[in-house]
């Protein structure tokens, strides 16, 4: 499964990185996980 970073999702959705940093932990994308301070979001969620 391919994972995308917050920056990649932000570009795809035309949102700011900082907004997604707030949204991702609250929305709880199925399969997303945190590595250190970096969110890994499954490509299928984007």
Protein backbone atom coordinates (compact mmCIF):
# COMPACT_ATOMS: atom_id res chain seq x y z
CA UNK A 1 0.00 0.00 0.00
CA UNK A 2 1.32 3.44 -0.91
CA UNK A 3 1.28 6.20 1.71
CA UNK A 4 1.30 9.95 1.15
CA UNK A 5 2.60 12.67 3.42
CA UNK A 6 0.59 15.62 4.68
CA UNK A 7 2.40 17.83 2.14
CA UNK A 8 1.43 15.57 -0.76
CA UNK A 9 -2.21 15.43 0.34
CA UNK A 10 -2.25 19.22 0.88
CA UNK A 11 -1.07 19.84 -2.68
CA UNK A 12 -3.61 17.37 -4.05
CA UNK A 13 -6.50 18.93 -2.10
CA UNK A 14 -5.20 22.51 -2.50
CA UNK A 15 -5.01 23.13 1.25
CA UNK A 16 -2.21 24.32 3.49
CA UNK A 17 0.07 21.85 5.24
CA UNK A 18 -0.70 23.43 8.61
CA UNK A 19 -4.45 22.98 8.14
CA UNK A 20 -4.01 19.30 7.35
CA UNK A 21 -1.71 18.85 10.37
CA UNK A 22 -4.75 19.88 12.44
CA UNK A 23 -7.32 17.87 10.46
CA UNK A 24 -5.53 14.51 10.11
CA UNK A 25 -5.44 13.54 13.81
CA UNK A 26 -9.08 14.57 14.28
CA UNK A 27 -10.53 12.85 11.18
CA UNK A 28 -8.73 9.53 11.85
CA UNK A 29 -8.17 8.40 8.27
CA UNK A 30 -8.45 4.61 8.11
CA UNK A 31 -4.91 3.23 7.98
CA UNK A 32 -3.10 6.51 8.72
CA UNK A 33 -0.28 6.31 11.22
CA UNK A 34 2.28 8.57 12.79
CA UNK A 35 6.02 8.00 12.34
CA UNK A 36 7.77 10.37 14.70
CA UNK A 37 6.08 13.67 13.82
CA UNK A 38 5.12 12.67 10.26
CA UNK A 39 1.67 11.40 9.28
CA UNK A 40 1.51 8.62 6.69
CA UNK A 41 -1.89 8.58 4.98
CA UNK A 42 -2.96 5.75 2.68
CA UNK A 43 -3.24 6.91 -0.93
CA UNK A 44 -6.75 5.45 -1.17
CA UNK A 45 -7.94 8.02 1.42
CA UNK A 46 -6.92 10.96 -0.74
